Amino acid sequence: MDYAQDGDLSQIDDDDIADAMQWGGEPAAMIEALLSCGMREYGFLERDNHGHLILHNWDEHCGVRFKQRAQGAERIRRHREKQARNANVTRYTCVSNANVTRGEERRGEEMKGEEMRGDEMKREEKRGEERRGEETPPPAPAPAAGGAIFGNPSDQGPKRQSKSEPPMTPLPDGPFDMKTFMALQEMYWCVGDEYIPDPGAEIRLIQELTEEYPAVPLFQEFRKARAWLEAHPEKVRNDLRLFLRKWVSKAEKQYVQYETVFIPVKEESGGG
């Protein structure tokens, strides 16, 4: 499943196959035994019409898992495209808001200039009336509804902020097992589209589980958990990290060793 996902072994040497199976004899003899060990026509291995070495009935046994992998990869690809589209919309909205703000500033400057010209005309009229000896009451101030003409921007309340995804957790310091981390990454194919990977939080989870449960082999248990999720696709896990923490906590009972303590018993001396 890791090195020949389609079941085709034609690109792998017989020596490599023998080393992987820890075979100490001749590689050709081992390959021949795997080809002819079947009860009928085929063994564990067979050759196709082109003479290529392939695994017998590989599609029937592992086709469902590879289909689930492909579906998971497609879900992740759609999620990333959606994130990219949302980022483009956010940038366009910011540019549009900046343009609107600059337009409002220009309109405010123009209106301020008109008000200044109107005040100057009123002062000229007042000086003319004073020269003619006419007393005129000062003009009443215009009622202000909420401050300026368009209102004070600070009184309009806070602007609505666009909903964004939570920030990613920074990568923690300290060592961690990369093999176990990759096993955790493969579980994305088994969960829904709403789960967002967070490498920082997942590395911290591995470090915490290694410290809390030192007797539990995390890589082995993560692979078991992944197989369970693939076998139960109807049970979607929205919080994968919480699911793994509970899984490892239950698995600890299998690896705890108990020490037998012998307590000496003092024999009583009998009377004679």
C-alpha atoms as a PDB file:
ATOM      1  CA  MET A   1       0.000   0.000   0.000  1.00  0.00           C
ATOM      2  CA  ASP A   2       2.982   2.341   0.476  1.00  0.00           C
ATOM      3  CA  TYR A   3       5.247   1.413  -2.450  1.00  0.00           C
ATOM      4  CA  ALA A   4       2.993  -0.340  -5.027  1.00  0.00           C
ATOM      5  CA  GLN A   5      -0.454   1.153  -4.686  1.00  0.00           C
ATOM      6  CA  ASP A   6      -1.679  -0.379  -7.953  1.00  0.00           C
ATOM      7  CA  GLY A   7      -0.289  -3.850  -7.116  1.00  0.00           C
ATOM      8  CA  ASP A   8       2.285  -3.720  -9.936  1.00  0.00           C
ATOM      9  CA  LEU A   9       5.721  -4.999  -8.834  1.00  0.00           C
ATOM     10  CA  SER A  10       7.402  -4.775 -12.253  1.00  0.00           C
ATOM     11  CA  GLN A  11       9.373  -1.675 -11.212  1.00  0.00           C
ATOM     12  CA  ILE A  12      10.793  -3.390  -8.091  1.00  0.00           C
ATOM     13  CA  ASP A  13      13.777  -5.752  -8.287  1.00  0.00           C
ATOM     14  CA  ASP A  14      13.561  -9.306  -7.004  1.00  0.00           C
ATOM     15  CA  ASP A  15      16.419  -8.553  -4.602  1.00  0.00           C
ATOM     16  CA  ASP A  16      14.459  -5.677  -3.038  1.00  0.00           C
ATOM     17  CA  ILE A  17      11.380  -7.881  -2.645  1.00  0.00           C
ATOM     18  CA  ALA A  18      13.503 -10.584  -0.985  1.00  0.00           C
ATOM     19  CA  ASP A  19      15.061  -8.038   1.387  1.00  0.00           C
ATOM     20  CA  ALA A  20      11.635  -6.657   2.298  1.00  0.00           C
ATOM     21  CA  MET A  21      10.398 -10.182   3.115  1.00  0.00           C
ATOM     22  CA  GLN A  22      13.630 -10.968   5.010  1.00  0.00           C
ATOM     23  CA  TRP A  23      14.360 -13.896   2.698  1.00  0.00           C
ATOM     24  CA  GLY A  24      17.929 -15.209   3.041  1.00  0.00           C
ATOM     25  CA  GLY A  25      17.987 -17.512   0.031  1.00  0.00           C
ATOM     26  CA  GLU A  26      17.943 -16.922  -3.714  1.00  0.00           C
ATOM     27  CA  PRO A  27      15.445 -14.187  -4.694  1.00  0.00           C
ATOM     28  CA  ALA A  28      14.412 -16.056  -7.860  1.00  0.00           C
ATOM     29  CA  ALA A  29      13.479 -19.154  -5.827  1.00  0.00           C
ATOM     30  CA  MET A  30      11.315 -17.082  -3.499  1.00  0.00           C
ATOM     31  CA  ILE A  31       9.524 -15.379  -6.440  1.00  0.00           C
ATOM     32  CA  GLU A  32       8.878 -18.753  -8.073  1.00  0.00           C
ATOM     33  CA  ALA A  33       7.471 -20.108  -4.801  1.00  0.00           C
ATOM     34  CA  LEU A  34       5.106 -17.119  -4.468  1.00  0.00           C
ATOM     35  CA  LEU A  35       3.923 -17.652  -8.058  1.00  0.00           C
ATOM     36  CA  SER A  36       3.192 -21.379  -7.684  1.00  0.00           C
ATOM     37  CA  CYS A  37       1.981 -21.680  -4.093  1.00  0.00           C
ATOM     38  CA  GLY A  38      -1.717 -21.429  -4.996  1.00  0.00           C
ATOM     39  CA  MET A  39      -4.135 -24.334  -4.793  1.00  0.00           C
ATOM     40  CA  ARG A  40      -5.295 -23.732  -8.371  1.00  0.00           C
ATOM     41  CA  GLU A  41      -3.772 -21.428 -10.948  1.00  0.00           C
ATOM     42  CA  TYR A  42      -2.272 -18.477  -9.075  1.00  0.00           C
ATOM     43  CA  GLY A  43      -0.369 -17.957  -5.858  1.00  0.00           C
ATOM     44  CA  PHE A  44       0.292 -14.773  -3.954  1.00  0.00           C
ATOM     45  CA  LEU A  45       1.863 -13.362  -7.134  1.00  0.00           C
ATOM     46  CA  GLU A  46       1.016 -13.726 -10.825  1.00  0.00           C
ATOM     47  CA  ARG A  47       2.133 -12.377 -14.185  1.00  0.00           C
ATOM     48  CA  ASP A  48      -0.121 -10.356 -16.473  1.00  0.00           C
ATOM     49  CA  ASN A  49      -0.384 -10.572 -20.249  1.00  0.00           C
ATOM     50  CA  HIS A  50       2.822  -8.522 -20.634  1.00  0.00           C
ATOM     51  CA  GLY A  51       4.782 -10.727 -18.239  1.00  0.00           C
ATOM     52  CA  HIS A  52       4.812  -8.128 -15.440  1.00  0.00           C
ATOM     53  CA  LEU A  53       4.862  -9.336 -11.862  1.00  0.00           C
ATOM     54  CA  ILE A  54       1.682  -8.252 -10.010  1.00  0.00           C
ATOM     55  CA  LEU A  55      -0.091  -9.070  -6.745  1.00  0.00           C
ATOM     56  CA  HIS A  56      -2.957 -11.526  -7.163  1.00  0.00           C
ATOM     57  CA  ASN A  57      -6.475  -9.988  -6.825  1.00  0.00           C
ATOM     58  CA  TRP A  58      -5.032  -6.722  -5.492  1.00  0.00           C
ATOM     59  CA  ASP A  59      -7.953  -4.589  -6.753  1.00  0.00           C
ATOM     60  CA  GLU A  60     -10.540  -6.777  -5.028  1.00  0.00           C
ATOM     61  CA  HIS A  61      -8.835  -6.519  -1.634  1.00  0.00           C
ATOM     62  CA  CYS A  62      -7.604  -2.922  -1.590  1.00  0.00           C
ATOM     63  CA  GLY A  63      -9.653  -1.112  -4.243  1.00  0.00           C
ATOM     64  CA  VAL A  64     -12.092   0.301  -1.679  1.00  0.00           C
ATOM     65  CA  ARG A  65      -9.322   1.847   0.400  1.00  0.00           C
ATOM     66  CA  PHE A  66      -7.689   3.516  -2.573  1.00  0.00           C
ATOM     67  CA  LYS A  67     -11.074   4.857  -3.645  1.00  0.00           C
ATOM     68  CA  GLN A  68     -11.498   6.368  -0.160  1.00  0.00           C
ATOM     69  CA  ARG A  69      -8.016   7.868  -0.414  1.00  0.00           C
ATOM     70  CA  ALA A  70      -8.853   9.470  -3.748  1.00  0.00           C
ATOM     71  CA  GLN A  71     -12.120  10.853  -2.361  1.00  0.00           C
ATOM     72  CA  GLY A  72     -10.294  12.268   0.662  1.00  0.00           C
ATOM     73  CA  ALA A  73      -7.666  13.910  -1.523  1.00  0.00           C
ATOM     74  CA  GLU A  74     -10.427  15.442  -3.664  1.00  0.00           C
ATOM     75  CA  ARG A  75     -12.159  16.842  -0.557  1.00  0.00           C
ATOM     76  CA  ILE A  76      -8.910  18.436   0.613  1.00  0.00           C
ATOM     77  CA  ARG A  77      -8.323  19.915  -2.844  1.00  0.00           C
ATOM     78  CA  ARG A  78     -11.824  21.467  -2.916  1.00  0.00           C
ATOM     79  CA  HIS A  79     -11.325  22.851   0.609  1.00  0.00           C
ATOM     80  CA  ARG A  80      -8.056  24.523  -0.390  1.00  0.00           C
ATOM     81  CA  GLU A  81      -9.634  26.014  -3.514  1.00  0.00           C
ATOM     82  CA  LYS A  82     -12.453  27.403  -1.364  1.00  0.00           C
ATOM     83  CA  GLN A  83      -9.914  28.973   0.997  1.00  0.00           C
ATOM     84  CA  ALA A  84      -8.091  30.564  -1.957  1.00  0.00           C
ATOM     85  CA  ARG A  85     -11.363  31.998  -3.324  1.00  0.00           C
ATOM     86  CA  ASN A  86     -12.266  33.423   0.084  1.00  0.00           C
ATOM     87  CA  ALA A  87      -8.833  35.040   0.332  1.00  0.00           C
ATOM     88  CA  ASN A  88      -9.297  36.683  -3.086  1.00  0.00           C
ATOM     89  CA  VAL A  89     -12.741  37.986  -2.088  1.00  0.00           C
ATOM     90  CA  THR A  90     -11.304  39.403   1.149  1.00  0.00           C
ATOM     91  CA  ARG A  91      -8.543  41.253  -0.711  1.00  0.00           C
ATOM     92  CA  TYR A  92     -11.065  42.650  -3.223  1.00  0.00           C
ATOM     93  CA  THR A  93     -13.327  43.794  -0.384  1.00  0.00           C
ATOM     94  CA  CYS A  94     -10.419  45.579   1.342  1.00  0.00           C
ATOM     95  CA  VAL A  95      -9.491  47.414  -1.872  1.00  0.00           C
ATOM     96  CA  SER A  96     -13.128  48.395  -2.455  1.00  0.00           C
ATOM     97  CA  ASN A  97     -13.495  49.710   1.102  1.00  0.00           C
ATOM     98  CA  ALA A  98     -10.307  51.762   0.687  1.00  0.00           C
ATOM     99  CA  ASN A  99     -11.664  53.311  -2.520  1.00  0.00           C
ATOM    100  CA  VAL A 100     -14.975  54.130  -0.826  1.00  0.00           C
ATOM    101  CA  THR A 101     -13.122  55.733   2.096  1.00  0.00           C
ATOM    102  CA  ARG A 102     -11.041  57.928  -0.217  1.00  0.00           C
ATOM    103  CA  GLY A 103     -14.201  58.973  -2.095  1.00  0.00           C
ATOM    104  CA  GLU A 104     -15.926  59.938   1.157  1.00  0.00           C
ATOM    105  CA  GLU A 105     -12.871  61.984   2.176  1.00  0.00           C
ATOM    106  CA  ARG A 106     -12.928  63.896  -1.131  1.00  0.00           C
ATOM    107  CA  ARG A 107     -16.665  64.577  -0.787  1.00  0.00           C
ATOM    108  CA  GLY A 108     -16.123  65.761   2.778  1.00  0.00           C
ATOM    109  CA  GLU A 109     -13.414  68.200   1.641  1.00  0.00           C
ATOM    110  CA  GLU A 110     -15.672  69.562  -1.108  1.00  0.00           C
ATOM    111  CA  MET A 111     -18.573  70.050   1.310  1.00  0.00           C
ATOM    112  CA  LYS A 112     -16.244  71.754   3.789  1.00  0.00           C
ATOM    113  CA  GLY A 113     -15.136  74.184   1.049  1.00  0.00           C
ATOM    114  CA  GLU A 114     -18.769  74.956   0.166  1.00  0.00           C
ATOM    115  CA  GLU A 115     -19.562  75.648   3.832  1.00  0.00           C
ATOM    116  CA  MET A 116     -16.596  78.028   4.052  1.00  0.00           C
ATOM    117  CA  ARG A 117     -17.745  79.901   0.921  1.00  0.00           C
ATOM    118  CA  GLY A 118     -21.278  80.114   2.326  1.00  0.00           C
ATOM    119  CA  ASP A 119     -19.957  81.544   5.615  1.00  0.00           C
ATOM    120  CA  GLU A 120     -17.922  84.136   3.704  1.00  0.00           C
ATOM    121  CA  MET A 121     -20.995  85.249   1.726  1.00  0.00           C
ATOM    122  CA  LYS A 122     -22.989  85.600   4.945  1.00  0.00           C
ATOM    123  CA  ARG A 123     -20.271  87.758   6.474  1.00  0.00           C
ATOM    124  CA  GLU A 124     -20.275  90.014   3.379  1.00  0.00           C
ATOM    125  CA  GLU A 125     -24.046  90.412   3.598  1.00  0.00           C
ATOM    126  CA  LYS A 126     -23.806  91.246   7.302  1.00  0.00           C
ATOM    127  CA  ARG A 127     -21.165  93.909   6.682  1.00  0.00           C
ATOM    128  CA  GLY A 128     -23.332  95.429   3.924  1.00  0.00           C
ATOM    129  CA  GLU A 129     -26.371  95.604   6.184  1.00  0.00           C
ATOM    130  CA  GLU A 130     -24.307  97.241   8.913  1.00  0.00           C
ATOM    131  CA  ARG A 131     -23.123  99.840   6.440  1.00  0.00           C
ATOM    132  CA  ARG A 132     -26.714 100.594   5.477  1.00  0.00           C
ATOM    133  CA  GLY A 133     -27.560 100.989   9.144  1.00  0.00           C
ATOM    134  CA  GLU A 134     -29.864  98.044   9.225  1.00  0.00           C
ATOM    135  CA  GLU A 135     -29.770  95.797  12.198  1.00  0.00           C
ATOM    136  CA  THR A 136     -30.401  92.230  11.358  1.00  0.00           C
ATOM    137  CA  PRO A 137     -30.446  89.379  13.892  1.00  0.00           C
ATOM    138  CA  PRO A 138     -27.724  86.820  13.460  1.00  0.00           C
ATOM    139  CA  PRO A 139     -28.802  83.733  11.573  1.00  0.00           C
ATOM    140  CA  ALA A 140     -29.855  80.859  13.791  1.00  0.00           C
ATOM    141  CA  PRO A 141     -27.519  77.891  13.672  1.00  0.00           C
ATOM    142  CA  ALA A 142     -28.743  74.998  11.578  1.00  0.00           C
ATOM    143  CA  PRO A 143     -29.942  72.063  13.668  1.00  0.00           C
ATOM    144  CA  ALA A 144     -27.379  69.311  13.677  1.00  0.00           C
ATOM    145  CA  ALA A 145     -28.805  65.793  13.629  1.00  0.00           C
ATOM    146  CA  GLY A 146     -26.169  63.596  15.122  1.00  0.00           C
ATOM    147  CA  GLY A 147     -23.175  65.910  14.548  1.00  0.00           C
ATOM    148  CA  ALA A 148     -22.037  66.515  10.947  1.00  0.00           C
ATOM    149  CA  ILE A 149     -24.175  66.198   7.849  1.00  0.00           C
ATOM    150  CA  PHE A 150     -23.474  62.541   7.422  1.00  0.00           C
ATOM    151  CA  GLY A 151     -23.035  61.917  11.133  1.00  0.00           C
ATOM    152  CA  ASN A 152     -19.892  61.199  13.099  1.00  0.00           C
ATOM    153  CA  PRO A 153     -18.264  57.978  11.851  1.00  0.00           C
ATOM    154  CA  SER A 154     -17.341  57.122  15.425  1.00  0.00           C
ATOM    155  CA  ASP A 155     -21.062  57.151  16.382  1.00  0.00           C
ATOM    156  CA  GLN A 156     -22.030  54.623  13.755  1.00  0.00           C
ATOM    157  CA  GLY A 157     -20.826  51.699  15.799  1.00  0.00           C
ATOM    158  CA  PRO A 158     -18.025  49.234  15.048  1.00  0.00           C
ATOM    159  CA  LYS A 159     -17.701  47.950  11.530  1.00  0.00           C
ATOM    160  CA  ARG A 160     -18.763  44.389  10.949  1.00  0.00           C
ATOM    161  CA  GLN A 161     -15.767  42.168  10.631  1.00  0.00           C
ATOM    162  CA  SER A 162     -15.782  39.334   8.182  1.00  0.00           C
ATOM    163  CA  LYS A 163     -15.752  35.916   9.736  1.00  0.00           C
ATOM    164  CA  SER A 164     -12.382  34.240   9.276  1.00  0.00           C
ATOM    165  CA  GLU A 165     -10.897  30.887  10.161  1.00  0.00           C
ATOM    166  CA  PRO A 166      -9.036  30.495  13.476  1.00  0.00           C
ATOM    167  CA  PRO A 167      -5.270  31.118  13.326  1.00  0.00           C
ATOM    168  CA  MET A 168      -2.922  28.162  13.039  1.00  0.00           C
ATOM    169  CA  THR A 169      -1.027  26.950  16.125  1.00  0.00           C
ATOM    170  CA  PRO A 170       2.703  27.825  15.998  1.00  0.00           C
ATOM    171  CA  LEU A 171       5.048  24.874  15.622  1.00  0.00           C
ATOM    172  CA  PRO A 172       6.235  23.748  19.083  1.00  0.00           C
ATOM    173  CA  ASP A 173       9.850  23.118  20.023  1.00  0.00           C
ATOM    174  CA  GLY A 174      11.250  19.721  20.840  1.00  0.00           C
ATOM    175  CA  PRO A 175      11.582  16.409  18.966  1.00  0.00           C
ATOM    176  CA  PHE A 176       8.715  14.348  17.575  1.00  0.00           C
ATOM    177  CA  ASP A 177       8.327  11.204  15.474  1.00  0.00           C
ATOM    178  CA  MET A 178       7.844  12.168  11.817  1.00  0.00           C
ATOM    179  CA  LYS A 179       6.551   8.681  10.993  1.00  0.00           C
ATOM    180  CA  THR A 180       3.787   9.053  13.578  1.00  0.00           C
ATOM    181  CA  PHE A 181       3.002  12.551  12.295  1.00  0.00           C
ATOM    182  CA  MET A 182       2.564  11.226   8.730  1.00  0.00           C
ATOM    183  CA  ALA A 183       0.250   8.481  10.021  1.00  0.00           C
ATOM    184  CA  LEU A 184      -1.877  11.197  11.627  1.00  0.00           C
ATOM    185  CA  GLN A 185      -1.904  13.195   8.365  1.00  0.00           C
ATOM    186  CA  GLU A 186      -3.301  10.180   6.485  1.00  0.00           C
ATOM    187  CA  MET A 187      -6.413  10.267   8.690  1.00  0.00           C
ATOM    188  CA  TYR A 188      -7.634  13.395   6.859  1.00  0.00           C
ATOM    189  CA  TRP A 189      -9.002  11.040   4.192  1.00  0.00           C
ATOM    190  CA  CYS A 190     -11.307   9.469   6.788  1.00  0.00           C
ATOM    191  CA  VAL A 191     -12.865  12.650   8.267  1.00  0.00           C
ATOM    192  CA  GLY A 192     -15.227  15.274   6.858  1.00  0.00           C
ATOM    193  CA  ASP A 193     -14.454  18.383   4.806  1.00  0.00           C
ATOM    194  CA  GLU A 194     -14.948  20.708   7.788  1.00  0.00           C
ATOM    195  CA  TYR A 195     -11.845  19.426   9.607  1.00  0.00           C
ATOM    196  CA  ILE A 196      -8.935  21.842   9.039  1.00  0.00           C
ATOM    197  CA  PRO A 197      -5.426  20.417   9.511  1.00  0.00           C
ATOM    198  CA  ASP A 198      -3.233  22.212  12.067  1.00  0.00           C
ATOM    199  CA  PRO A 199       0.362  20.839  12.007  1.00  0.00           C
ATOM    200  CA  GLY A 200       1.367  22.781  15.125  1.00  0.00           C
ATOM    201  CA  ALA A 201      -1.471  21.347  17.220  1.00  0.00           C
ATOM    202  CA  GLU A 202      -0.892  17.830  15.860  1.00  0.00           C
ATOM    203  CA  ILE A 203       2.848  17.865  16.650  1.00  0.00           C
ATOM    204  CA  ARG A 204       2.040  19.086  20.153  1.00  0.00           C
ATOM    205  CA  LEU A 205      -0.505  16.251  20.499  1.00  0.00           C
ATOM    206  CA  ILE A 206       2.152  13.674  19.556  1.00  0.00           C
ATOM    207  CA  GLN A 207       4.600  15.155  22.071  1.00  0.00           C
ATOM    208  CA  GLU A 208       1.993  15.155  24.851  1.00  0.00           C
ATOM    209  CA  LEU A 209       0.870  11.580  24.143  1.00  0.00           C
ATOM    210  CA  THR A 210       4.505  10.406  24.045  1.00  0.00           C
ATOM    211  CA  GLU A 211       5.074  11.956  27.473  1.00  0.00           C
ATOM    212  CA  GLU A 212       1.792  10.796  29.035  1.00  0.00           C
ATOM    213  CA  TYR A 213       1.757   7.255  27.575  1.00  0.00           C
ATOM    214  CA  PRO A 214       5.408   6.232  27.055  1.00  0.00           C
ATOM    215  CA  ALA A 215       4.550   2.516  26.831  1.00  0.00           C
ATOM    216  CA  VAL A 216       2.114   2.946  23.909  1.00  0.00           C
ATOM    217  CA  PRO A 217       3.561   2.758  20.339  1.00  0.00           C
ATOM    218  CA  LEU A 218       1.769   5.749  18.815  1.00  0.00           C
ATOM    219  CA  PHE A 219       2.501   4.888  15.191  1.00  0.00           C
ATOM    220  CA  GLN A 220       0.947   1.430  15.560  1.00  0.00           C
ATOM    221  CA  GLU A 221      -2.120   2.762  17.376  1.00  0.00           C
ATOM    222  CA  PHE A 222      -2.610   5.574  14.832  1.00  0.00           C
ATOM    223  CA  ARG A 223      -2.651   3.012  12.032  1.00  0.00           C
ATOM    224  CA  LYS A 224      -5.225   0.961  13.980  1.00  0.00           C
ATOM    225  CA  ALA A 225      -7.357   4.068  14.493  1.00  0.00           C
ATOM    226  CA  ARG A 226      -7.185   4.875  10.795  1.00  0.00           C
ATOM    227  CA  ALA A 227      -8.287   1.332   9.871  1.00  0.00           C
ATOM    228  CA  TRP A 228     -11.213   1.666  12.292  1.00  0.00           C
ATOM    229  CA  LEU A 229     -12.270   4.983  10.718  1.00  0.00           C
ATOM    230  CA  GLU A 230     -12.086   3.479   7.230  1.00  0.00           C
ATOM    231  CA  ALA A 231     -14.239   0.557   8.361  1.00  0.00           C
ATOM    232  CA  HIS A 232     -16.821   2.915   9.948  1.00  0.00           C
ATOM    233  CA  PRO A 233     -17.240   5.834   7.475  1.00  0.00           C
ATOM    234  CA  GLU A 234     -20.687   6.614   8.886  1.00  0.00           C
ATOM    235  CA  LYS A 235     -19.124   7.717  12.184  1.00  0.00           C
ATOM    236  CA  VAL A 236     -17.596  11.042  11.169  1.00  0.00           C
ATOM    237  CA  ARG A 237     -15.129  12.504  13.675  1.00  0.00           C
ATOM    238  CA  ASN A 238     -15.158  16.313  13.678  1.00  0.00           C
ATOM    239  CA  ASP A 239     -12.473  16.535  16.396  1.00  0.00           C
ATOM    240  CA  LEU A 240      -9.778  14.111  15.265  1.00  0.00           C
ATOM    241  CA  ARG A 241      -7.272  15.065  17.962  1.00  0.00           C
ATOM    242  CA  LEU A 242      -9.757  14.401  20.791  1.00  0.00           C
ATOM    243  CA  PHE A 243     -10.633  11.057  19.173  1.00  0.00           C
ATOM    244  CA  LEU A 244      -6.942  10.037  19.072  1.00  0.00           C
ATOM    245  CA  ARG A 245      -6.374  11.064  22.689  1.00  0.00           C
ATOM    246  CA  LYS A 246      -9.253   8.823  23.835  1.00  0.00           C
ATOM    247  CA  TRP A 247      -8.053   6.006  21.594  1.00  0.00           C
ATOM    248  CA  VAL A 248      -4.503   6.036  23.049  1.00  0.00           C
ATOM    249  CA  SER A 249      -5.876   6.289  26.595  1.00  0.00           C
ATOM    250  CA  LYS A 250      -7.902   3.088  26.069  1.00  0.00           C
ATOM    251  CA  ALA A 251      -4.997   1.330  24.331  1.00  0.00           C
ATOM    252  CA  GLU A 252      -2.672   1.922  27.294  1.00  0.00           C
ATOM    253  CA  LYS A 253      -4.232  -1.016  29.125  1.00  0.00           C
ATOM    254  CA  GLN A 254      -2.768  -3.420  26.557  1.00  0.00           C
ATOM    255  CA  TYR A 255       0.813  -2.295  27.188  1.00  0.00           C
ATOM    256  CA  VAL A 256       0.878  -1.811  30.983  1.00  0.00           C
ATOM    257  CA  GLN A 257       3.084  -4.419  32.672  1.00  0.00           C
ATOM    258  CA  TYR A 258       2.392  -5.565  36.188  1.00  0.00           C
ATOM    259  CA  GLU A 259       5.185  -6.652  38.544  1.00  0.00           C
ATOM    260  CA  THR A 260       4.566  -9.643  40.792  1.00  0.00           C
ATOM    261  CA  VAL A 261       5.662  -9.060  44.365  1.00  0.00           C
ATOM    262  CA  PHE A 262       6.281 -12.061  46.634  1.00  0.00           C
ATOM    263  CA  ILE A 263       5.705 -11.427  50.333  1.00  0.00           C
ATOM    264  CA  PRO A 264       7.481 -13.915  52.614  1.00  0.00           C
ATOM    265  CA  VAL A 265       5.293 -15.642  55.181  1.00  0.00           C
ATOM    266  CA  LYS A 266       6.764 -16.246  58.617  1.00  0.00           C
ATOM    267  CA  GLU A 267       6.174 -19.787  59.823  1.00  0.00           C
ATOM    268  CA  GLU A 268       4.871 -20.149  63.337  1.00  0.00           C
ATOM    269  CA  SER A 269       6.802 -22.412  65.650  1.00  0.00           C
ATOM    270  CA  GLY A 270       4.675 -25.217  67.083  1.00  0.00           C
ATOM    271  CA  GLY A 271       4.894 -26.507  70.620  1.00  0.00           C
ATOM    272  CA  GLY A 272       6.219 -30.013  71.285  1.00  0.00           C
END
